[in-house]
Amino acid sequence: NEPGPTVEPRQLAALQSQVEQMAAAGDLWAFCGSLPPGAPADLYAKLVRQVRGKGGRAFLDSNGPALRAGLGAWPFAIKPNSEEAAEMLGHSLDSDEDHFRAVRRLQADGAQLVALSRGAKGLVLAMEGEVLMATPPPVTARSPVGAGDASLAGLLWAIGDECSPAETAARAVACGTATAMQEGTAVGDRALVEQLLGQVTVSPV
């Protein structure tokens, strides 16, 4: 993706003011993507703290310095992919066991829920004392565009419904898989997600 427009300090101040006014107990907020030019690396961290301070839960899906700084603000959830997690931890994630250790480490570093995306292999979820591996069924993937965002939407959907860790992992994988099956930037619909839900394999590790 091309970088977005440069943001000015007054715009950042207005954003923080809006979050401060709107955030409330029980809210679910998602802060996603790379930061635009002009935004400090700790912008997401500041927003996460604002949401937490009002009793809400913040989901963070970013990378690099923004993700590292954000994790230090104790977001409710993060959703890195293998490469982003490896960059944070300082070593490659080559095996299943590497991924299992990574989610435990990232959880200890600040997030209550860690969903570590493995692309077509599904994800590893650390939540409520459990570590689970969720694997999608064999499908024909047409485009990865938006699949990660759809997976995050699945997490938000599950947490909003107070689902178990196993159901949370299944919803995240089903949503991501449904979108990966579409052409271009299309998003998988609810009917396909529901169909895939029963085909996702979730196993404790």
N, C-alpha and C. Protein backbone atom coordinates (compact mmCIF):
# COMPACT_ATOMS: atom_id res chain seq x y z
N ASN A 1 0.83 -1.20 0.00
CA ASN A 1 0.00 0.00 0.00
C ASN A 1 0.86 1.25 0.00
N GLU A 2 0.38 2.30 -0.64
CA GLU A 2 1.08 3.58 -0.61
C GLU A 2 0.83 4.26 0.74
N PRO A 3 1.79 5.09 1.20
CA PRO A 3 1.57 5.80 2.46
C PRO A 3 0.42 6.78 2.34
N GLY A 4 -0.28 6.99 3.42
CA GLY A 4 -1.39 7.93 3.42
C GLY A 4 -0.90 9.35 3.53
N PRO A 5 -1.81 10.30 3.59
CA PRO A 5 -1.42 11.70 3.72
C PRO A 5 -0.78 11.97 5.08
N THR A 6 0.08 12.96 5.11
CA THR A 6 0.73 13.35 6.36
C THR A 6 -0.28 14.00 7.30
N VAL A 7 -0.28 13.56 8.55
CA VAL A 7 -1.19 14.15 9.53
C VAL A 7 -0.46 15.23 10.32
N GLU A 8 -1.21 16.22 10.74
CA GLU A 8 -0.65 17.34 11.48
C GLU A 8 -0.97 17.20 12.97
N PRO A 9 -0.18 17.86 13.82
CA PRO A 9 -0.41 17.76 15.27
C PRO A 9 -1.84 18.09 15.68
N ARG A 10 -2.44 19.09 15.04
CA ARG A 10 -3.81 19.46 15.42
C ARG A 10 -4.79 18.32 15.11
N GLN A 11 -4.52 17.58 14.03
CA GLN A 11 -5.39 16.46 13.68
C GLN A 11 -5.23 15.31 14.68
N LEU A 12 -4.00 15.07 15.10
CA LEU A 12 -3.76 14.04 16.11
C LEU A 12 -4.42 14.40 17.43
N ALA A 13 -4.34 15.68 17.79
CA ALA A 13 -4.98 16.13 19.03
C ALA A 13 -6.49 15.97 18.94
N ALA A 14 -7.05 16.27 17.77
CA ALA A 14 -8.50 16.12 17.59
C ALA A 14 -8.91 14.66 17.69
N LEU A 15 -8.09 13.77 17.13
CA LEU A 15 -8.38 12.34 17.21
C LEU A 15 -8.40 11.87 18.66
N GLN A 16 -7.38 12.25 19.42
CA GLN A 16 -7.32 11.83 20.82
C GLN A 16 -8.48 12.41 21.62
N SER A 17 -8.87 13.63 21.28
CA SER A 17 -10.01 14.24 21.96
C SER A 17 -11.30 13.47 21.67
N GLN A 18 -11.47 13.04 20.43
CA GLN A 18 -12.65 12.27 20.06
C GLN A 18 -12.69 10.93 20.78
N VAL A 19 -11.54 10.26 20.84
CA VAL A 19 -11.49 8.97 21.54
C VAL A 19 -11.82 9.17 23.01
N GLU A 20 -11.28 10.21 23.59
CA GLU A 20 -11.55 10.49 25.01
C GLU A 20 -13.04 10.72 25.25
N GLN A 21 -13.70 11.39 24.34
CA GLN A 21 -15.13 11.67 24.50
C GLN A 21 -16.00 10.44 24.24
N MET A 22 -15.59 9.60 23.31
CA MET A 22 -16.45 8.52 22.86
C MET A 22 -16.24 7.20 23.60
N ALA A 23 -15.04 6.93 24.07
CA ALA A 23 -14.75 5.64 24.70
C ALA A 23 -15.57 5.47 25.97
N ALA A 24 -16.06 4.25 26.18
CA ALA A 24 -16.89 3.97 27.35
C ALA A 24 -16.67 2.53 27.79
N ALA A 25 -17.05 2.25 29.01
CA ALA A 25 -16.91 0.90 29.56
C ALA A 25 -17.66 -0.10 28.69
N GLY A 26 -17.01 -1.23 28.44
CA GLY A 26 -17.63 -2.27 27.63
C GLY A 26 -17.39 -2.15 26.14
N ASP A 27 -16.82 -1.03 25.70
CA ASP A 27 -16.54 -0.83 24.28
C ASP A 27 -15.47 -1.80 23.77
N LEU A 28 -15.54 -2.10 22.49
CA LEU A 28 -14.46 -2.77 21.77
C LEU A 28 -13.95 -1.81 20.70
N TRP A 29 -12.68 -1.47 20.77
CA TRP A 29 -12.06 -0.58 19.80
C TRP A 29 -10.97 -1.33 19.05
N ALA A 30 -10.85 -1.09 17.76
CA ALA A 30 -9.80 -1.71 16.95
C ALA A 30 -8.94 -0.61 16.32
N PHE A 31 -7.65 -0.68 16.57
CA PHE A 31 -6.68 0.24 15.98
C PHE A 31 -5.83 -0.56 15.00
N CYS A 32 -5.94 -0.24 13.73
CA CYS A 32 -5.41 -1.13 12.69
C CYS A 32 -4.56 -0.40 11.66
N GLY A 33 -3.59 -1.11 11.15
CA GLY A 33 -2.80 -0.63 10.03
C GLY A 33 -1.54 0.10 10.45
N SER A 34 -0.73 0.44 9.46
CA SER A 34 0.47 1.22 9.73
C SER A 34 0.07 2.67 10.00
N LEU A 35 0.92 3.36 10.73
CA LEU A 35 0.63 4.75 11.05
C LEU A 35 0.93 5.65 9.85
N PRO A 36 0.16 6.71 9.67
CA PRO A 36 0.42 7.63 8.55
C PRO A 36 1.64 8.49 8.84
N PRO A 37 2.25 9.05 7.80
CA PRO A 37 3.36 9.98 8.02
C PRO A 37 2.93 11.11 8.95
N GLY A 38 3.82 11.47 9.85
CA GLY A 38 3.52 12.54 10.79
C GLY A 38 3.02 12.05 12.13
N ALA A 39 2.59 10.79 12.20
CA ALA A 39 2.09 10.25 13.47
C ALA A 39 3.26 9.66 14.26
N PRO A 40 3.31 9.91 15.56
CA PRO A 40 4.39 9.34 16.37
C PRO A 40 4.20 7.83 16.54
N ALA A 41 5.29 7.13 16.78
CA ALA A 41 5.24 5.67 16.90
C ALA A 41 4.37 5.23 18.06
N ASP A 42 4.19 6.09 19.06
CA ASP A 42 3.40 5.70 20.23
C ASP A 42 1.94 6.16 20.15
N LEU A 43 1.47 6.54 18.95
CA LEU A 43 0.08 7.01 18.84
C LEU A 43 -0.90 5.92 19.26
N TYR A 44 -0.74 4.72 18.74
CA TYR A 44 -1.66 3.65 19.12
C TYR A 44 -1.57 3.37 20.62
N ALA A 45 -0.37 3.44 21.17
CA ALA A 45 -0.22 3.22 22.61
C ALA A 45 -1.04 4.24 23.40
N LYS A 46 -1.00 5.49 22.98
CA LYS A 46 -1.79 6.53 23.65
C LYS A 46 -3.28 6.24 23.54
N LEU A 47 -3.73 5.84 22.35
CA LEU A 47 -5.15 5.56 22.15
C LEU A 47 -5.59 4.33 22.95
N VAL A 48 -4.74 3.33 23.00
CA VAL A 48 -5.05 2.13 23.79
C VAL A 48 -5.23 2.50 25.26
N ARG A 49 -4.33 3.34 25.77
CA ARG A 49 -4.44 3.75 27.18
C ARG A 49 -5.72 4.54 27.42
N GLN A 50 -6.10 5.36 26.47
CA GLN A 50 -7.35 6.12 26.62
C GLN A 50 -8.55 5.18 26.71
N VAL A 51 -8.61 4.19 25.82
CA VAL A 51 -9.72 3.24 25.84
C VAL A 51 -9.71 2.43 27.13
N ARG A 52 -8.55 1.96 27.53
CA ARG A 52 -8.45 1.19 28.78
C ARG A 52 -8.88 2.04 29.97
N GLY A 53 -8.51 3.31 29.95
CA GLY A 53 -8.85 4.19 31.06
C GLY A 53 -10.35 4.40 31.21
N LYS A 54 -11.09 4.20 30.13
CA LYS A 54 -12.55 4.34 30.18
C LYS A 54 -13.25 2.99 30.38
N GLY A 55 -12.47 1.92 30.55
CA GLY A 55 -13.08 0.61 30.77
C GLY A 55 -13.38 -0.17 29.51
N GLY A 56 -12.85 0.29 28.37
CA GLY A 56 -13.05 -0.43 27.12
C GLY A 56 -11.91 -1.40 26.85
N ARG A 57 -12.05 -2.16 25.77
CA ARG A 57 -11.02 -3.11 25.37
C ARG A 57 -10.51 -2.74 23.98
N ALA A 58 -9.20 -2.64 23.86
CA ALA A 58 -8.58 -2.21 22.61
C ALA A 58 -7.91 -3.38 21.91
N PHE A 59 -8.20 -3.52 20.62
CA PHE A 59 -7.57 -4.52 19.76
C PHE A 59 -6.56 -3.78 18.89
N LEU A 60 -5.36 -4.31 18.80
CA LEU A 60 -4.30 -3.65 18.04
C LEU A 60 -3.79 -4.57 16.94
N ASP A 61 -3.85 -4.10 15.71
CA ASP A 61 -3.37 -4.87 14.56
C ASP A 61 -2.48 -3.95 13.73
N SER A 62 -1.20 -3.93 14.08
CA SER A 62 -0.25 -3.06 13.40
C SER A 62 1.08 -3.80 13.28
N ASN A 63 2.15 -3.06 13.09
CA ASN A 63 3.46 -3.70 12.94
C ASN A 63 4.56 -2.75 13.37
N GLY A 64 5.78 -3.27 13.43
CA GLY A 64 6.95 -2.46 13.71
C GLY A 64 6.88 -1.68 15.00
N PRO A 65 7.44 -0.47 15.02
CA PRO A 65 7.46 0.34 16.24
C PRO A 65 6.08 0.62 16.81
N ALA A 66 5.07 0.78 15.95
CA ALA A 66 3.72 1.05 16.45
C ALA A 66 3.18 -0.12 17.25
N LEU A 67 3.47 -1.34 16.79
CA LEU A 67 3.03 -2.53 17.51
C LEU A 67 3.81 -2.71 18.80
N ARG A 68 5.12 -2.49 18.74
CA ARG A 68 5.93 -2.63 19.95
C ARG A 68 5.49 -1.63 21.02
N ALA A 69 5.31 -0.38 20.63
CA ALA A 69 4.87 0.63 21.60
C ALA A 69 3.47 0.32 22.10
N GLY A 70 2.60 -0.11 21.20
CA GLY A 70 1.23 -0.42 21.58
C GLY A 70 1.13 -1.56 22.56
N LEU A 71 1.97 -2.58 22.39
CA LEU A 71 1.95 -3.71 23.31
C LEU A 71 2.30 -3.26 24.72
N GLY A 72 3.18 -2.28 24.83
CA GLY A 72 3.55 -1.76 26.14
C GLY A 72 2.42 -1.03 26.85
N ALA A 73 1.37 -0.70 26.12
CA ALA A 73 0.20 -0.04 26.72
C ALA A 73 -0.85 -1.04 27.18
N TRP A 74 -0.55 -2.32 27.08
CA TRP A 74 -1.44 -3.39 27.53
C TRP A 74 -2.79 -3.39 26.82
N PRO A 75 -2.79 -3.56 25.51
CA PRO A 75 -4.07 -3.69 24.81
C PRO A 75 -4.75 -5.00 25.21
N PHE A 76 -6.03 -5.07 24.99
CA PHE A 76 -6.73 -6.33 25.26
C PHE A 76 -6.24 -7.43 24.33
N ALA A 77 -6.05 -7.10 23.04
CA ALA A 77 -5.68 -8.12 22.06
C ALA A 77 -4.75 -7.54 21.00
N ILE A 78 -3.86 -8.41 20.50
CA ILE A 78 -3.05 -8.08 19.33
C ILE A 78 -3.17 -9.22 18.33
N LYS A 79 -2.95 -8.89 17.04
CA LYS A 79 -3.06 -9.91 16.00
C LYS A 79 -1.91 -9.78 15.01
N PRO A 80 -0.69 -10.09 15.44
CA PRO A 80 0.42 -10.04 14.49
C PRO A 80 0.44 -11.27 13.59
N ASN A 81 1.14 -11.16 12.47
CA ASN A 81 1.41 -12.36 11.69
C ASN A 81 2.79 -12.90 12.09
N SER A 82 3.19 -13.99 11.49
CA SER A 82 4.45 -14.62 11.90
C SER A 82 5.64 -13.69 11.74
N GLU A 83 5.68 -12.95 10.63
CA GLU A 83 6.81 -12.05 10.38
C GLU A 83 6.84 -10.90 11.39
N GLU A 84 5.68 -10.34 11.69
CA GLU A 84 5.62 -9.24 12.65
C GLU A 84 6.00 -9.70 14.05
N ALA A 85 5.55 -10.89 14.43
CA ALA A 85 5.90 -11.42 15.74
C ALA A 85 7.39 -11.72 15.81
N ALA A 86 7.95 -12.26 14.74
CA ALA A 86 9.38 -12.56 14.72
C ALA A 86 10.21 -11.29 14.88
N GLU A 87 9.77 -10.21 14.23
CA GLU A 87 10.47 -8.94 14.35
C GLU A 87 10.43 -8.43 15.79
N MET A 88 9.30 -8.57 16.44
CA MET A 88 9.17 -8.11 17.82
C MET A 88 10.04 -8.93 18.77
N LEU A 89 10.09 -10.24 18.54
CA LEU A 89 10.78 -11.14 19.45
C LEU A 89 12.27 -11.29 19.14
N GLY A 90 12.67 -10.87 17.95
CA GLY A 90 14.08 -10.92 17.61
C GLY A 90 14.58 -12.25 17.08
N HIS A 91 13.67 -13.12 16.68
CA HIS A 91 14.09 -14.40 16.10
C HIS A 91 12.98 -14.93 15.20
N SER A 92 13.35 -15.78 14.25
CA SER A 92 12.38 -16.31 13.31
C SER A 92 11.47 -17.33 13.99
N LEU A 93 10.28 -17.49 13.43
CA LEU A 93 9.32 -18.48 13.91
C LEU A 93 9.19 -19.54 12.83
N ASP A 94 9.92 -20.63 12.99
CA ASP A 94 10.00 -21.64 11.93
C ASP A 94 9.10 -22.84 12.16
N SER A 95 8.87 -23.19 13.40
CA SER A 95 8.12 -24.41 13.72
C SER A 95 6.82 -24.06 14.44
N ASP A 96 5.96 -25.06 14.57
CA ASP A 96 4.75 -24.88 15.37
C ASP A 96 5.11 -24.46 16.78
N GLU A 97 6.10 -25.13 17.35
CA GLU A 97 6.49 -24.83 18.73
C GLU A 97 6.98 -23.39 18.87
N ASP A 98 7.68 -22.89 17.86
CA ASP A 98 8.11 -21.48 17.89
C ASP A 98 6.89 -20.56 18.02
N HIS A 99 5.83 -20.87 17.30
CA HIS A 99 4.61 -20.06 17.35
C HIS A 99 3.91 -20.18 18.71
N PHE A 100 3.93 -21.38 19.28
CA PHE A 100 3.30 -21.56 20.59
C PHE A 100 4.04 -20.74 21.65
N ARG A 101 5.37 -20.78 21.60
CA ARG A 101 6.15 -19.99 22.56
C ARG A 101 5.95 -18.50 22.33
N ALA A 102 5.82 -18.12 21.07
CA ALA A 102 5.68 -16.69 20.75
C ALA A 102 4.40 -16.11 21.34
N VAL A 103 3.27 -16.81 21.22
CA VAL A 103 2.03 -16.24 21.75
C VAL A 103 2.09 -16.14 23.27
N ARG A 104 2.74 -17.10 23.91
CA ARG A 104 2.87 -17.02 25.38
C ARG A 104 3.73 -15.84 25.78
N ARG A 105 4.81 -15.62 25.04
CA ARG A 105 5.71 -14.51 25.34
C ARG A 105 5.00 -13.17 25.12
N LEU A 106 4.30 -13.04 24.00
CA LEU A 106 3.62 -11.78 23.71
C LEU A 106 2.49 -11.52 24.70
N GLN A 107 1.86 -12.58 25.16
CA GLN A 107 0.82 -12.42 26.18
C GLN A 107 1.45 -11.94 27.49
N ALA A 108 2.58 -12.51 27.84
CA ALA A 108 3.27 -12.09 29.06
C ALA A 108 3.76 -10.65 28.95
N ASP A 109 4.02 -10.21 27.73
CA ASP A 109 4.53 -8.85 27.53
C ASP A 109 3.44 -7.78 27.56
N GLY A 110 2.15 -8.19 27.58
CA GLY A 110 1.16 -7.14 27.74
C GLY A 110 -0.24 -7.37 27.21
N ALA A 111 -0.46 -8.33 26.32
CA ALA A 111 -1.80 -8.50 25.74
C ALA A 111 -2.53 -9.67 26.40
N GLN A 112 -3.79 -9.46 26.74
CA GLN A 112 -4.58 -10.56 27.30
C GLN A 112 -4.84 -11.64 26.27
N LEU A 113 -5.04 -11.24 25.03
CA LEU A 113 -5.33 -12.17 23.94
C LEU A 113 -4.32 -11.93 22.82
N VAL A 114 -3.71 -13.01 22.36
CA VAL A 114 -2.79 -12.93 21.23
C VAL A 114 -3.27 -13.89 20.16
N ALA A 115 -3.57 -13.37 18.98
CA ALA A 115 -3.93 -14.20 17.83
C ALA A 115 -2.81 -14.06 16.81
N LEU A 116 -2.01 -15.10 16.69
CA LEU A 116 -0.84 -15.08 15.81
C LEU A 116 -1.22 -15.72 14.47
N SER A 117 -1.34 -14.88 13.46
CA SER A 117 -1.80 -15.34 12.14
C SER A 117 -0.69 -16.09 11.41
N ARG A 118 -1.06 -17.22 10.81
CA ARG A 118 -0.13 -18.02 10.01
C ARG A 118 -0.61 -18.14 8.56
N GLY A 119 -1.38 -17.18 8.11
CA GLY A 119 -1.85 -17.19 6.74
C GLY A 119 -2.74 -18.38 6.46
N ALA A 120 -2.41 -19.13 5.41
CA ALA A 120 -3.22 -20.27 5.00
C ALA A 120 -3.23 -21.39 6.04
N LYS A 121 -2.28 -21.35 6.98
CA LYS A 121 -2.23 -22.38 8.03
C LYS A 121 -3.16 -22.06 9.20
N GLY A 122 -3.81 -20.91 9.19
CA GLY A 122 -4.71 -20.55 10.28
C GLY A 122 -4.04 -19.64 11.28
N LEU A 123 -4.28 -19.90 12.56
CA LEU A 123 -3.68 -19.05 13.59
C LEU A 123 -3.47 -19.83 14.88
N VAL A 124 -2.64 -19.24 15.74
CA VAL A 124 -2.43 -19.74 17.10
C VAL A 124 -2.99 -18.69 18.04
N LEU A 125 -3.85 -19.10 18.95
CA LEU A 125 -4.53 -18.18 19.86
C LEU A 125 -4.14 -18.46 21.30
N ALA A 126 -3.73 -17.42 22.00
CA ALA A 126 -3.53 -17.50 23.45
C ALA A 126 -4.60 -16.65 24.10
N MET A 127 -5.43 -17.29 24.94
CA MET A 127 -6.58 -16.59 25.53
C MET A 127 -7.05 -17.34 26.77
N GLU A 128 -7.23 -16.62 27.86
CA GLU A 128 -7.80 -17.19 29.08
C GLU A 128 -7.07 -18.45 29.54
N GLY A 129 -5.75 -18.41 29.47
CA GLY A 129 -4.95 -19.53 29.95
C GLY A 129 -4.81 -20.67 28.98
N GLU A 130 -5.43 -20.58 27.82
CA GLU A 130 -5.34 -21.64 26.82
C GLU A 130 -4.50 -21.18 25.63
N VAL A 131 -3.82 -22.13 25.00
CA VAL A 131 -3.16 -21.90 23.72
C VAL A 131 -3.74 -22.91 22.74
N LEU A 132 -4.30 -22.39 21.65
CA LEU A 132 -5.01 -23.22 20.68
C LEU A 132 -4.47 -23.00 19.28
N MET A 133 -4.48 -24.05 18.49
CA MET A 133 -4.14 -23.93 17.08
C MET A 133 -5.40 -24.15 16.27
N ALA A 134 -5.75 -23.18 15.43
CA ALA A 134 -6.96 -23.26 14.60
C ALA A 134 -6.54 -23.35 13.14
N THR A 135 -7.01 -24.40 12.47
CA THR A 135 -6.61 -24.68 11.09
C THR A 135 -7.83 -24.66 10.17
N PRO A 136 -7.77 -23.93 9.06
CA PRO A 136 -8.92 -23.89 8.15
C PRO A 136 -9.02 -25.17 7.33
N PRO A 137 -10.19 -25.42 6.76
CA PRO A 137 -10.32 -26.56 5.85
C PRO A 137 -9.62 -26.25 4.53
N PRO A 138 -9.33 -27.27 3.73
CA PRO A 138 -8.74 -27.01 2.41
C PRO A 138 -9.73 -26.22 1.53
N VAL A 139 -9.29 -25.09 1.03
CA VAL A 139 -10.13 -24.26 0.16
C VAL A 139 -9.28 -23.73 -0.98
N THR A 140 -9.93 -23.15 -1.96
CA THR A 140 -9.22 -22.47 -3.04
C THR A 140 -9.12 -20.99 -2.69
N ALA A 141 -7.92 -20.57 -2.33
CA ALA A 141 -7.71 -19.16 -1.98
C ALA A 141 -7.49 -18.35 -3.25
N ARG A 142 -8.23 -17.27 -3.40
CA ARG A 142 -8.14 -16.45 -4.60
C ARG A 142 -7.40 -15.14 -4.37
N SER A 143 -7.51 -14.58 -3.18
CA SER A 143 -6.83 -13.32 -2.90
C SER A 143 -6.64 -13.17 -1.39
N PRO A 144 -5.40 -12.86 -0.96
CA PRO A 144 -5.18 -12.65 0.47
C PRO A 144 -5.60 -11.27 0.95
N VAL A 145 -5.96 -10.39 0.01
CA VAL A 145 -6.28 -9.00 0.38
C VAL A 145 -7.50 -8.96 1.30
N GLY A 146 -7.31 -8.38 2.46
CA GLY A 146 -8.41 -8.23 3.41
C GLY A 146 -8.64 -9.42 4.31
N ALA A 147 -7.93 -10.53 4.08
CA ALA A 147 -8.16 -11.72 4.90
C ALA A 147 -7.77 -11.48 6.36
N GLY A 148 -6.66 -10.78 6.57
CA GLY A 148 -6.25 -10.48 7.93
C GLY A 148 -7.23 -9.57 8.64
N ASP A 149 -7.76 -8.59 7.92
CA ASP A 149 -8.76 -7.69 8.50
C ASP A 149 -10.04 -8.45 8.84
N ALA A 150 -10.42 -9.38 7.95
CA ALA A 150 -11.61 -10.18 8.22
C ALA A 150 -11.40 -11.07 9.43
N SER A 151 -10.19 -11.59 9.59
CA SER A 151 -9.88 -12.41 10.76
C SER A 151 -10.01 -11.59 12.04
N LEU A 152 -9.52 -10.35 12.00
CA LEU A 152 -9.68 -9.47 13.16
C LEU A 152 -11.15 -9.22 13.45
N ALA A 153 -11.94 -9.03 12.40
CA ALA A 153 -13.38 -8.84 12.59
C ALA A 153 -13.99 -10.06 13.28
N GLY A 154 -13.50 -11.25 12.93
CA GLY A 154 -13.97 -12.46 13.58
C GLY A 154 -13.65 -12.47 15.06
N LEU A 155 -12.47 -11.98 15.42
CA LEU A 155 -12.12 -11.88 16.84
C LEU A 155 -13.06 -10.93 17.57
N LEU A 156 -13.29 -9.77 16.97
CA LEU A 156 -14.19 -8.79 17.59
C LEU A 156 -15.59 -9.36 17.75
N TRP A 157 -16.07 -10.04 16.73
CA TRP A 157 -17.38 -10.68 16.76
C TRP A 157 -17.46 -11.68 17.92
N ALA A 158 -16.43 -12.49 18.05
CA ALA A 158 -16.43 -13.51 19.10
C ALA A 158 -16.35 -12.91 20.50
N ILE A 159 -15.47 -11.93 20.67
CA ILE A 159 -15.33 -11.32 21.99
C ILE A 159 -16.61 -10.57 22.35
N GLY A 160 -17.22 -9.92 21.39
CA GLY A 160 -18.49 -9.24 21.65
C GLY A 160 -19.57 -10.19 22.09
N ASP A 161 -19.52 -11.43 21.59
CA ASP A 161 -20.49 -12.45 21.96
C ASP A 161 -20.05 -13.28 23.16
N GLU A 162 -18.92 -12.91 23.77
CA GLU A 162 -18.38 -13.61 24.94
C GLU A 162 -18.17 -15.10 24.66
N CYS A 163 -17.57 -15.39 23.53
CA CYS A 163 -17.33 -16.78 23.13
C CYS A 163 -16.16 -17.39 23.90
N SER A 164 -16.13 -18.71 23.90
CA SER A 164 -15.01 -19.45 24.48
C SER A 164 -13.77 -19.24 23.61
N PRO A 165 -12.58 -19.55 24.14
CA PRO A 165 -11.38 -19.45 23.30
C PRO A 165 -11.47 -20.28 22.02
N ALA A 166 -12.02 -21.48 22.11
CA ALA A 166 -12.12 -22.33 20.92
C ALA A 166 -13.03 -21.71 19.86
N GLU A 167 -14.16 -21.17 20.28
CA GLU A 167 -15.08 -20.55 19.33
C GLU A 167 -14.48 -19.25 18.78
N THR A 168 -13.74 -18.54 19.61
CA THR A 168 -13.09 -17.32 19.16
C THR A 168 -12.09 -17.63 18.05
N ALA A 169 -11.27 -18.65 18.26
CA ALA A 169 -10.29 -19.04 17.24
C ALA A 169 -10.99 -19.47 15.96
N ALA A 170 -12.06 -20.23 16.09
CA ALA A 170 -12.78 -20.73 14.92
C ALA A 170 -13.40 -19.58 14.12
N ARG A 171 -13.99 -18.61 14.81
CA ARG A 171 -14.60 -17.48 14.10
C ARG A 171 -13.54 -16.66 13.37
N ALA A 172 -12.41 -16.44 14.01
CA ALA A 172 -11.36 -15.65 13.37
C ALA A 172 -10.88 -16.34 12.09
N VAL A 173 -10.66 -17.64 12.16
CA VAL A 173 -10.17 -18.37 10.99
C VAL A 173 -11.24 -18.46 9.91
N ALA A 174 -12.48 -18.70 10.30
CA ALA A 174 -13.56 -18.79 9.31
C ALA A 174 -13.74 -17.47 8.56
N CYS A 175 -13.68 -16.36 9.27
CA CYS A 175 -13.84 -15.05 8.62
C CYS A 175 -12.68 -14.77 7.67
N GLY A 176 -11.46 -15.04 8.12
CA GLY A 176 -10.31 -14.82 7.26
C GLY A 176 -10.33 -15.70 6.03
N THR A 177 -10.70 -16.96 6.22
CA THR A 177 -10.74 -17.91 5.10
C THR A 177 -11.82 -17.53 4.09
N ALA A 178 -12.98 -17.14 4.58
CA ALA A 178 -14.07 -16.75 3.68
C ALA A 178 -13.67 -15.60 2.77
N THR A 179 -12.92 -14.65 3.31
CA THR A 179 -12.47 -13.52 2.49
C THR A 179 -11.35 -13.92 1.54
N ALA A 180 -10.45 -14.80 1.99
CA ALA A 180 -9.37 -15.27 1.11
C ALA A 180 -9.90 -16.03 -0.10
N MET A 181 -11.11 -16.55 0.01
CA MET A 181 -11.72 -17.30 -1.10
C MET A 181 -12.33 -16.39 -2.16
N GLN A 182 -12.36 -15.09 -1.91
CA GLN A 182 -13.00 -14.15 -2.84
C GLN A 182 -11.98 -13.57 -3.82
N GLU A 183 -12.48 -13.06 -4.92
CA GLU A 183 -11.63 -12.37 -5.90
C GLU A 183 -11.36 -10.94 -5.43
N GLY A 184 -10.15 -10.46 -5.71
CA GLY A 184 -9.82 -9.06 -5.47
C GLY A 184 -9.99 -8.65 -4.02
N THR A 185 -10.78 -7.60 -3.82
CA THR A 185 -10.97 -7.06 -2.47
C THR A 185 -12.34 -7.41 -1.89
N ALA A 186 -13.03 -8.37 -2.50
CA ALA A 186 -14.35 -8.76 -1.99
C ALA A 186 -14.21 -9.42 -0.62
N VAL A 187 -15.27 -9.34 0.16
CA VAL A 187 -15.30 -9.89 1.52
C VAL A 187 -16.24 -11.08 1.56
N GLY A 188 -15.83 -12.14 2.25
CA GLY A 188 -16.69 -13.31 2.40
C GLY A 188 -17.96 -12.97 3.15
N ASP A 189 -19.09 -13.54 2.74
CA ASP A 189 -20.35 -13.19 3.39
C ASP A 189 -20.64 -14.09 4.59
N ARG A 190 -21.67 -13.71 5.34
CA ARG A 190 -22.01 -14.41 6.58
C ARG A 190 -22.34 -15.88 6.33
N ALA A 191 -23.04 -16.17 5.25
CA ALA A 191 -23.42 -17.56 4.97
C ALA A 191 -22.19 -18.44 4.78
N LEU A 192 -21.19 -17.94 4.07
CA LEU A 192 -19.96 -18.71 3.87
C LEU A 192 -19.19 -18.87 5.17
N VAL A 193 -19.15 -17.81 5.96
CA VAL A 193 -18.48 -17.90 7.26
C VAL A 193 -19.13 -18.98 8.12
N GLU A 194 -20.45 -18.99 8.17
CA GLU A 194 -21.16 -19.99 8.97
C GLU A 194 -20.88 -21.40 8.45
N GLN A 195 -20.79 -21.54 7.15
CA GLN A 195 -20.48 -22.84 6.56
C GLN A 195 -19.08 -23.31 6.96
N LEU A 196 -18.12 -22.39 6.93
CA LEU A 196 -16.74 -22.73 7.25
C LEU A 196 -16.52 -22.99 8.74
N LEU A 197 -17.34 -22.36 9.57
CA LEU A 197 -17.14 -22.49 11.02
C LEU A 197 -17.05 -23.94 11.47
N GLY A 198 -17.94 -24.76 10.96
CA GLY A 198 -17.95 -26.15 11.36
C GLY A 198 -16.82 -26.97 10.79
N GLN A 199 -16.06 -26.37 9.87
CA GLN A 199 -14.96 -27.09 9.23
C GLN A 199 -13.59 -26.69 9.75
N VAL A 200 -13.54 -25.67 10.59
CA VAL A 200 -12.28 -25.24 11.19
C VAL A 200 -11.90 -26.23 12.30
N THR A 201 -10.66 -26.67 12.30
CA THR A 201 -10.16 -27.58 13.33
C THR A 201 -9.46 -26.77 14.41
N VAL A 202 -9.90 -26.90 15.65
CA VAL A 202 -9.28 -26.19 16.77
C VAL A 202 -8.74 -27.21 17.76
N SER A 203 -7.44 -27.12 18.05
CA SER A 203 -6.80 -28.11 18.92
C SER A 203 -5.98 -27.41 20.00
N PRO A 204 -6.02 -27.90 21.24
CA PRO A 204 -5.14 -27.35 22.28
C PRO A 204 -3.71 -27.79 22.04
N VAL A 205 -2.77 -26.97 22.48
CA VAL A 205 -1.36 -27.33 22.31
C VAL A 205 -0.64 -27.31 23.65
